[in-house]
Amino acid sequence: MKQTTIFRLIQMVEQMNNSNIMRFTKAFRYPIGISPILALSELKTKGPQKQAELAETVGVTKGAMTSIAAKLVELGLAERLYDENDRRTIQLCLTAEGKKALAEAQEIGQEVYMELFGVLSEEEVGQYLSLQEKLIQGIEERKIE
């Protein structure tokens, strides 16, 4: 693959990602980004978790998760649960407001992507899906080695 072609591809992927992030951020009423939303999703799926576990699952550092947790608690989207037997053990759990925020994020995300992919025909969507699957398979294979 020519270097100019790969750079053009990278530029286009970044342009699409940036556009989607900007559209999502403009529509979403909570002042949080994708990592806090991923944390909310994990809390909804798996229930209360220690911040260190959540950091690993979401793919951020423990320090970043401390900031994310503080922001989620400040906004009332999550709360800290303290172990009665050991107050050093703290878990983060989703609040009712956090569930609402997550549902809103998922709805807006779906709208953004439906609009993005709406310009493609069914055949083109199938081709794009095949390409994405191939790329993900390549990533997974490189992880094993």
N, C-alpha and C. Protein backbone atom coordinates (compact mmCIF):
# COMPACT_ATOMS: atom_id res chain seq x y z
N MET A 1 0.85 -1.18 0.00
CA MET A 1 0.00 0.00 0.00
C MET A 1 0.89 1.24 0.00
N LYS A 2 0.57 2.18 -0.84
CA LYS A 2 1.36 3.41 -0.92
C LYS A 2 1.19 4.23 0.36
N GLN A 3 2.27 4.92 0.72
CA GLN A 3 2.25 5.72 1.94
C GLN A 3 1.20 6.82 1.85
N THR A 4 1.05 7.45 0.68
CA THR A 4 0.04 8.50 0.53
C THR A 4 -1.37 7.95 0.71
N THR A 5 -1.59 6.72 0.27
CA THR A 5 -2.90 6.10 0.41
C THR A 5 -3.22 5.83 1.88
N ILE A 6 -2.26 5.30 2.62
CA ILE A 6 -2.49 5.00 4.03
C ILE A 6 -2.70 6.28 4.82
N PHE A 7 -1.96 7.34 4.51
CA PHE A 7 -2.15 8.61 5.20
C PHE A 7 -3.52 9.19 4.90
N ARG A 8 -3.97 9.05 3.68
CA ARG A 8 -5.31 9.54 3.31
C ARG A 8 -6.38 8.74 4.06
N LEU A 9 -6.19 7.44 4.16
CA LEU A 9 -7.12 6.58 4.89
C LEU A 9 -7.17 6.99 6.37
N ILE A 10 -6.01 7.18 6.96
CA ILE A 10 -5.95 7.61 8.37
C ILE A 10 -6.67 8.94 8.55
N GLN A 11 -6.42 9.87 7.64
CA GLN A 11 -7.04 11.18 7.71
C GLN A 11 -8.57 11.07 7.64
N MET A 12 -9.07 10.22 6.77
CA MET A 12 -10.51 10.07 6.61
C MET A 12 -11.14 9.41 7.84
N VAL A 13 -10.47 8.41 8.40
CA VAL A 13 -10.98 7.76 9.61
C VAL A 13 -11.03 8.77 10.76
N GLU A 14 -9.97 9.55 10.92
CA GLU A 14 -9.93 10.57 11.97
C GLU A 14 -11.01 11.63 11.76
N GLN A 15 -11.22 12.02 10.52
CA GLN A 15 -12.24 13.02 10.21
C GLN A 15 -13.63 12.50 10.58
N MET A 16 -13.91 11.23 10.24
CA MET A 16 -15.19 10.63 10.59
C MET A 16 -15.35 10.55 12.11
N ASN A 17 -14.32 10.07 12.79
CA ASN A 17 -14.39 9.96 14.25
C ASN A 17 -14.60 11.32 14.91
N ASN A 18 -13.84 12.31 14.49
CA ASN A 18 -13.97 13.65 15.07
C ASN A 18 -15.36 14.22 14.83
N SER A 19 -15.87 14.05 13.63
CA SER A 19 -17.21 14.54 13.30
C SER A 19 -18.26 13.88 14.18
N ASN A 20 -18.16 12.57 14.34
CA ASN A 20 -19.12 11.84 15.18
C ASN A 20 -19.03 12.28 16.64
N ILE A 21 -17.82 12.45 17.14
CA ILE A 21 -17.63 12.89 18.52
C ILE A 21 -18.22 14.28 18.72
N MET A 22 -17.98 15.18 17.79
CA MET A 22 -18.51 16.54 17.90
C MET A 22 -20.03 16.54 17.87
N ARG A 23 -20.62 15.76 16.97
CA ARG A 23 -22.08 15.69 16.88
C ARG A 23 -22.67 15.08 18.15
N PHE A 24 -22.03 14.04 18.65
CA PHE A 24 -22.50 13.40 19.88
C PHE A 24 -22.42 14.39 21.05
N THR A 25 -21.27 15.02 21.21
CA THR A 25 -21.04 15.94 22.33
C THR A 25 -22.04 17.10 22.31
N LYS A 26 -22.34 17.58 21.13
CA LYS A 26 -23.29 18.69 20.99
C LYS A 26 -24.70 18.26 21.43
N ALA A 27 -25.08 17.03 21.13
CA ALA A 27 -26.42 16.55 21.44
C ALA A 27 -26.57 16.04 22.88
N PHE A 28 -25.46 15.59 23.49
CA PHE A 28 -25.51 14.97 24.82
C PHE A 28 -25.46 16.05 25.88
N ARG A 29 -26.39 16.04 26.80
CA ARG A 29 -26.50 17.14 27.78
C ARG A 29 -25.57 17.02 28.97
N TYR A 30 -24.92 15.89 29.12
CA TYR A 30 -24.00 15.71 30.25
C TYR A 30 -22.57 16.04 29.81
N PRO A 31 -21.82 16.73 30.67
CA PRO A 31 -20.45 17.12 30.30
C PRO A 31 -19.42 16.01 30.54
N ILE A 32 -19.64 14.87 29.88
CA ILE A 32 -18.70 13.76 30.00
C ILE A 32 -18.40 13.19 28.62
N GLY A 33 -17.27 12.52 28.51
CA GLY A 33 -16.85 11.94 27.24
C GLY A 33 -17.10 10.44 27.19
N ILE A 34 -16.43 9.79 26.26
CA ILE A 34 -16.68 8.37 26.00
C ILE A 34 -16.22 7.47 27.14
N SER A 35 -15.09 7.74 27.76
CA SER A 35 -14.61 6.87 28.84
C SER A 35 -15.57 6.82 30.03
N PRO A 36 -16.10 7.96 30.48
CA PRO A 36 -17.10 7.90 31.54
C PRO A 36 -18.38 7.16 31.12
N ILE A 37 -18.75 7.29 29.86
CA ILE A 37 -19.93 6.57 29.36
C ILE A 37 -19.66 5.07 29.36
N LEU A 38 -18.46 4.68 28.96
CA LEU A 38 -18.09 3.27 29.02
C LEU A 38 -18.11 2.75 30.46
N ALA A 39 -17.68 3.59 31.40
CA ALA A 39 -17.72 3.20 32.81
C ALA A 39 -19.16 3.00 33.27
N LEU A 40 -20.06 3.90 32.87
CA LEU A 40 -21.48 3.75 33.22
C LEU A 40 -22.03 2.46 32.65
N SER A 41 -21.66 2.15 31.42
CA SER A 41 -22.14 0.93 30.77
C SER A 41 -21.66 -0.31 31.52
N GLU A 42 -20.40 -0.31 31.93
CA GLU A 42 -19.86 -1.43 32.70
C GLU A 42 -20.58 -1.58 34.04
N LEU A 43 -20.86 -0.47 34.69
CA LEU A 43 -21.57 -0.52 35.97
C LEU A 43 -22.98 -1.06 35.79
N LYS A 44 -23.61 -0.69 34.69
CA LYS A 44 -24.96 -1.20 34.42
C LYS A 44 -24.91 -2.71 34.15
N THR A 45 -23.93 -3.13 33.37
CA THR A 45 -23.82 -4.54 32.98
C THR A 45 -23.39 -5.44 34.14
N LYS A 46 -22.37 -5.01 34.87
CA LYS A 46 -21.76 -5.88 35.89
C LYS A 46 -22.07 -5.50 37.33
N GLY A 47 -22.74 -4.37 37.52
CA GLY A 47 -23.04 -3.94 38.89
C GLY A 47 -21.86 -3.21 39.51
N PRO A 48 -21.95 -2.91 40.82
CA PRO A 48 -20.90 -2.15 41.51
C PRO A 48 -19.53 -2.80 41.35
N GLN A 49 -18.52 -1.94 41.17
CA GLN A 49 -17.15 -2.42 40.97
C GLN A 49 -16.16 -1.49 41.65
N LYS A 50 -15.00 -2.05 41.99
CA LYS A 50 -13.90 -1.22 42.48
C LYS A 50 -13.38 -0.41 41.31
N GLN A 51 -12.88 0.78 41.60
CA GLN A 51 -12.38 1.65 40.54
C GLN A 51 -11.24 1.01 39.76
N ALA A 52 -10.37 0.27 40.44
CA ALA A 52 -9.24 -0.37 39.76
C ALA A 52 -9.73 -1.38 38.72
N GLU A 53 -10.75 -2.15 39.08
CA GLU A 53 -11.32 -3.12 38.14
C GLU A 53 -11.95 -2.40 36.95
N LEU A 54 -12.67 -1.35 37.26
CA LEU A 54 -13.34 -0.56 36.23
C LEU A 54 -12.33 0.07 35.28
N ALA A 55 -11.22 0.56 35.83
CA ALA A 55 -10.17 1.17 35.01
C ALA A 55 -9.63 0.16 34.01
N GLU A 56 -9.39 -1.05 34.46
CA GLU A 56 -8.85 -2.08 33.57
C GLU A 56 -9.84 -2.43 32.47
N THR A 57 -11.10 -2.58 32.82
CA THR A 57 -12.13 -2.93 31.85
C THR A 57 -12.33 -1.83 30.81
N VAL A 58 -12.36 -0.58 31.28
CA VAL A 58 -12.60 0.56 30.38
C VAL A 58 -11.35 0.88 29.56
N GLY A 59 -10.18 0.52 30.10
CA GLY A 59 -8.94 0.76 29.37
C GLY A 59 -8.31 2.10 29.66
N VAL A 60 -8.44 2.54 30.92
CA VAL A 60 -7.81 3.79 31.34
C VAL A 60 -6.93 3.51 32.55
N THR A 61 -6.08 4.46 32.90
CA THR A 61 -5.24 4.30 34.08
C THR A 61 -6.08 4.44 35.35
N LYS A 62 -5.52 3.98 36.46
CA LYS A 62 -6.21 4.13 37.74
C LYS A 62 -6.41 5.60 38.08
N GLY A 63 -5.40 6.42 37.75
CA GLY A 63 -5.51 7.86 37.99
C GLY A 63 -6.63 8.49 37.19
N ALA A 64 -6.73 8.09 35.92
CA ALA A 64 -7.81 8.61 35.08
C ALA A 64 -9.16 8.16 35.62
N MET A 65 -9.24 6.92 36.10
CA MET A 65 -10.51 6.42 36.63
C MET A 65 -10.90 7.17 37.90
N THR A 66 -9.91 7.59 38.68
CA THR A 66 -10.21 8.40 39.87
C THR A 66 -10.90 9.69 39.46
N SER A 67 -10.40 10.33 38.41
CA SER A 67 -11.01 11.57 37.90
C SER A 67 -12.40 11.30 37.32
N ILE A 68 -12.52 10.20 36.57
CA ILE A 68 -13.80 9.84 35.97
C ILE A 68 -14.83 9.58 37.07
N ALA A 69 -14.43 8.81 38.09
CA ALA A 69 -15.34 8.50 39.19
C ALA A 69 -15.78 9.77 39.91
N ALA A 70 -14.85 10.67 40.15
CA ALA A 70 -15.18 11.93 40.83
C ALA A 70 -16.20 12.72 40.02
N LYS A 71 -16.02 12.77 38.72
CA LYS A 71 -16.94 13.50 37.85
C LYS A 71 -18.32 12.84 37.85
N LEU A 72 -18.36 11.51 37.74
CA LEU A 72 -19.64 10.79 37.74
C LEU A 72 -20.38 10.99 39.06
N VAL A 73 -19.66 10.96 40.17
CA VAL A 73 -20.27 11.18 41.49
C VAL A 73 -20.76 12.62 41.59
N GLU A 74 -19.94 13.56 41.16
CA GLU A 74 -20.30 14.99 41.20
C GLU A 74 -21.59 15.25 40.43
N LEU A 75 -21.76 14.57 39.30
CA LEU A 75 -22.95 14.77 38.46
C LEU A 75 -24.14 13.93 38.92
N GLY A 76 -23.93 13.10 39.93
CA GLY A 76 -25.01 12.25 40.42
C GLY A 76 -25.30 11.05 39.55
N LEU A 77 -24.34 10.68 38.69
CA LEU A 77 -24.53 9.55 37.78
C LEU A 77 -24.06 8.24 38.40
N ALA A 78 -23.23 8.35 39.42
CA ALA A 78 -22.73 7.18 40.15
C ALA A 78 -22.55 7.59 41.60
N GLU A 79 -22.43 6.59 42.46
CA GLU A 79 -22.15 6.87 43.86
C GLU A 79 -21.14 5.86 44.38
N ARG A 80 -20.46 6.26 45.44
CA ARG A 80 -19.47 5.38 46.06
C ARG A 80 -20.13 4.56 47.16
N LEU A 81 -19.84 3.28 47.16
CA LEU A 81 -20.32 2.38 48.21
C LEU A 81 -19.13 1.96 49.06
N TYR A 82 -19.24 2.13 50.37
CA TYR A 82 -18.16 1.78 51.28
C TYR A 82 -18.49 0.46 51.96
N ASP A 83 -17.53 -0.43 52.03
CA ASP A 83 -17.68 -1.71 52.70
C ASP A 83 -17.79 -1.46 54.21
N GLU A 84 -18.83 -2.00 54.83
CA GLU A 84 -19.04 -1.79 56.27
C GLU A 84 -17.89 -2.36 57.10
N ASN A 85 -17.29 -3.45 56.64
CA ASN A 85 -16.22 -4.10 57.39
C ASN A 85 -14.85 -3.51 57.12
N ASP A 86 -14.69 -2.86 55.98
CA ASP A 86 -13.39 -2.29 55.60
C ASP A 86 -13.64 -1.03 54.79
N ARG A 87 -13.61 0.12 55.43
CA ARG A 87 -13.94 1.39 54.77
C ARG A 87 -12.96 1.75 53.66
N ARG A 88 -11.83 1.04 53.61
CA ARG A 88 -10.87 1.29 52.52
C ARG A 88 -11.38 0.71 51.20
N THR A 89 -12.29 -0.26 51.29
CA THR A 89 -12.85 -0.89 50.09
C THR A 89 -14.03 -0.06 49.61
N ILE A 90 -13.85 0.53 48.44
CA ILE A 90 -14.88 1.41 47.88
C ILE A 90 -15.25 0.89 46.50
N GLN A 91 -16.55 0.80 46.26
CA GLN A 91 -17.04 0.43 44.94
C GLN A 91 -17.85 1.58 44.37
N LEU A 92 -17.88 1.63 43.07
CA LEU A 92 -18.68 2.62 42.37
C LEU A 92 -19.94 1.93 41.87
N CYS A 93 -21.09 2.57 42.03
CA CYS A 93 -22.32 1.97 41.51
C CYS A 93 -23.13 3.02 40.76
N LEU A 94 -23.93 2.55 39.85
CA LEU A 94 -24.75 3.39 38.98
C LEU A 94 -25.97 3.90 39.76
N THR A 95 -26.33 5.16 39.55
CA THR A 95 -27.54 5.72 40.13
C THR A 95 -28.65 5.70 39.08
N ALA A 96 -29.86 6.04 39.49
CA ALA A 96 -30.97 6.14 38.55
C ALA A 96 -30.67 7.19 37.48
N GLU A 97 -30.06 8.29 37.89
CA GLU A 97 -29.69 9.34 36.93
C GLU A 97 -28.62 8.83 35.97
N GLY A 98 -27.72 8.01 36.47
CA GLY A 98 -26.69 7.41 35.62
C GLY A 98 -27.30 6.51 34.57
N LYS A 99 -28.33 5.76 34.94
CA LYS A 99 -29.03 4.90 33.98
C LYS A 99 -29.68 5.74 32.89
N LYS A 100 -30.28 6.87 33.29
CA LYS A 100 -30.90 7.77 32.31
C LYS A 100 -29.85 8.34 31.36
N ALA A 101 -28.73 8.76 31.92
CA ALA A 101 -27.65 9.33 31.10
C ALA A 101 -27.12 8.30 30.11
N LEU A 102 -26.94 7.07 30.56
CA LEU A 102 -26.45 6.01 29.69
C LEU A 102 -27.44 5.73 28.57
N ALA A 103 -28.73 5.66 28.91
CA ALA A 103 -29.75 5.42 27.89
C ALA A 103 -29.75 6.54 26.85
N GLU A 104 -29.60 7.78 27.32
CA GLU A 104 -29.55 8.93 26.41
C GLU A 104 -28.32 8.85 25.52
N ALA A 105 -27.18 8.50 26.09
CA ALA A 105 -25.94 8.38 25.32
C ALA A 105 -26.09 7.31 24.24
N GLN A 106 -26.69 6.19 24.59
CA GLN A 106 -26.86 5.11 23.62
C GLN A 106 -27.81 5.52 22.50
N GLU A 107 -28.87 6.24 22.86
CA GLU A 107 -29.82 6.70 21.85
C GLU A 107 -29.17 7.70 20.89
N ILE A 108 -28.45 8.66 21.43
CA ILE A 108 -27.78 9.65 20.60
C ILE A 108 -26.72 8.98 19.74
N GLY A 109 -25.95 8.07 20.32
CA GLY A 109 -24.93 7.35 19.56
C GLY A 109 -25.53 6.60 18.40
N GLN A 110 -26.65 5.95 18.64
CA GLN A 110 -27.32 5.21 17.56
C GLN A 110 -27.78 6.16 16.46
N GLU A 111 -28.34 7.31 16.84
CA GLU A 111 -28.79 8.29 15.86
C GLU A 111 -27.62 8.80 15.01
N VAL A 112 -26.51 9.10 15.67
CA VAL A 112 -25.33 9.60 14.96
C VAL A 112 -24.85 8.57 13.93
N TYR A 113 -24.77 7.31 14.34
CA TYR A 113 -24.29 6.27 13.42
C TYR A 113 -25.31 5.90 12.35
N MET A 114 -26.59 5.96 12.68
CA MET A 114 -27.62 5.70 11.66
C MET A 114 -27.54 6.76 10.57
N GLU A 115 -27.33 7.99 10.97
CA GLU A 115 -27.19 9.07 10.00
C GLU A 115 -25.92 8.88 9.16
N LEU A 116 -24.83 8.51 9.82
CA LEU A 116 -23.56 8.29 9.13
C LEU A 116 -23.70 7.19 8.08
N PHE A 117 -24.22 6.04 8.49
CA PHE A 117 -24.31 4.89 7.58
C PHE A 117 -25.52 4.97 6.66
N GLY A 118 -26.41 5.92 6.89
CA GLY A 118 -27.60 6.07 6.06
C GLY A 118 -27.30 6.41 4.61
N VAL A 119 -26.11 6.91 4.33
CA VAL A 119 -25.75 7.25 2.94
C VAL A 119 -25.29 6.03 2.16
N LEU A 120 -25.11 4.90 2.85
CA LEU A 120 -24.64 3.68 2.19
C LEU A 120 -25.81 2.78 1.80
N SER A 121 -25.64 2.07 0.70
CA SER A 121 -26.63 1.07 0.30
C SER A 121 -26.46 -0.17 1.18
N GLU A 122 -27.42 -1.09 1.12
CA GLU A 122 -27.32 -2.34 1.89
C GLU A 122 -26.04 -3.09 1.51
N GLU A 123 -25.74 -3.11 0.22
CA GLU A 123 -24.53 -3.80 -0.25
C GLU A 123 -23.27 -3.15 0.31
N GLU A 124 -23.24 -1.82 0.31
CA GLU A 124 -22.07 -1.11 0.83
C GLU A 124 -21.92 -1.33 2.34
N VAL A 125 -23.04 -1.37 3.05
CA VAL A 125 -22.98 -1.65 4.49
C VAL A 125 -22.38 -3.03 4.72
N GLY A 126 -22.80 -4.00 3.92
CA GLY A 126 -22.25 -5.36 4.03
C GLY A 126 -20.75 -5.39 3.76
N GLN A 127 -20.31 -4.65 2.74
CA GLN A 127 -18.89 -4.58 2.41
C GLN A 127 -18.10 -3.92 3.55
N TYR A 128 -18.65 -2.83 4.07
CA TYR A 128 -17.99 -2.12 5.16
C TYR A 128 -17.89 -3.02 6.40
N LEU A 129 -18.96 -3.73 6.69
CA LEU A 129 -18.96 -4.65 7.82
C LEU A 129 -17.90 -5.73 7.65
N SER A 130 -17.78 -6.27 6.45
CA SER A 130 -16.76 -7.30 6.18
C SER A 130 -15.35 -6.74 6.39
N LEU A 131 -15.12 -5.52 5.94
CA LEU A 131 -13.81 -4.89 6.12
C LEU A 131 -13.50 -4.67 7.60
N GLN A 132 -14.49 -4.19 8.34
CA GLN A 132 -14.29 -3.96 9.77
C GLN A 132 -13.99 -5.28 10.50
N GLU A 133 -14.73 -6.33 10.15
CA GLU A 133 -14.50 -7.64 10.76
C GLU A 133 -13.09 -8.13 10.48
N LYS A 134 -12.62 -7.92 9.25
CA LYS A 134 -11.27 -8.34 8.88
C LYS A 134 -10.22 -7.56 9.68
N LEU A 135 -10.43 -6.27 9.84
CA LEU A 135 -9.50 -5.44 10.61
C LEU A 135 -9.47 -5.87 12.07
N ILE A 136 -10.64 -6.12 12.65
CA ILE A 136 -10.71 -6.55 14.04
C ILE A 136 -10.06 -7.92 14.21
N GLN A 137 -10.28 -8.81 13.27
CA GLN A 137 -9.64 -10.13 13.33
C GLN A 137 -8.12 -9.98 13.32
N GLY A 138 -7.60 -9.08 12.48
CA GLY A 138 -6.16 -8.83 12.44
C GLY A 138 -5.64 -8.30 13.76
N ILE A 139 -6.40 -7.43 14.40
CA ILE A 139 -6.01 -6.90 15.71
C ILE A 139 -5.97 -8.02 16.73
N GLU A 140 -7.01 -8.85 16.74
CA GLU A 140 -7.08 -9.95 17.70
C GLU A 140 -5.94 -10.95 17.50
N GLU A 141 -5.62 -11.24 16.26
CA GLU A 141 -4.53 -12.18 15.97
C GLU A 141 -3.19 -11.64 16.44
N ARG A 142 -2.98 -10.35 16.32
CA ARG A 142 -1.72 -9.75 16.77
C ARG A 142 -1.62 -9.72 18.30
N LYS A 143 -2.74 -9.69 18.99
CA LYS A 143 -2.73 -9.72 20.46
C LYS A 143 -2.20 -11.04 20.98
N ILE A 144 -2.55 -12.12 20.31
CA ILE A 144 -2.18 -13.47 20.74
C ILE A 144 -0.67 -13.67 20.63
N GLU A 145 -0.07 -13.17 19.60
CA GLU A 145 1.35 -13.41 19.34
C GLU A 145 2.26 -12.66 20.26
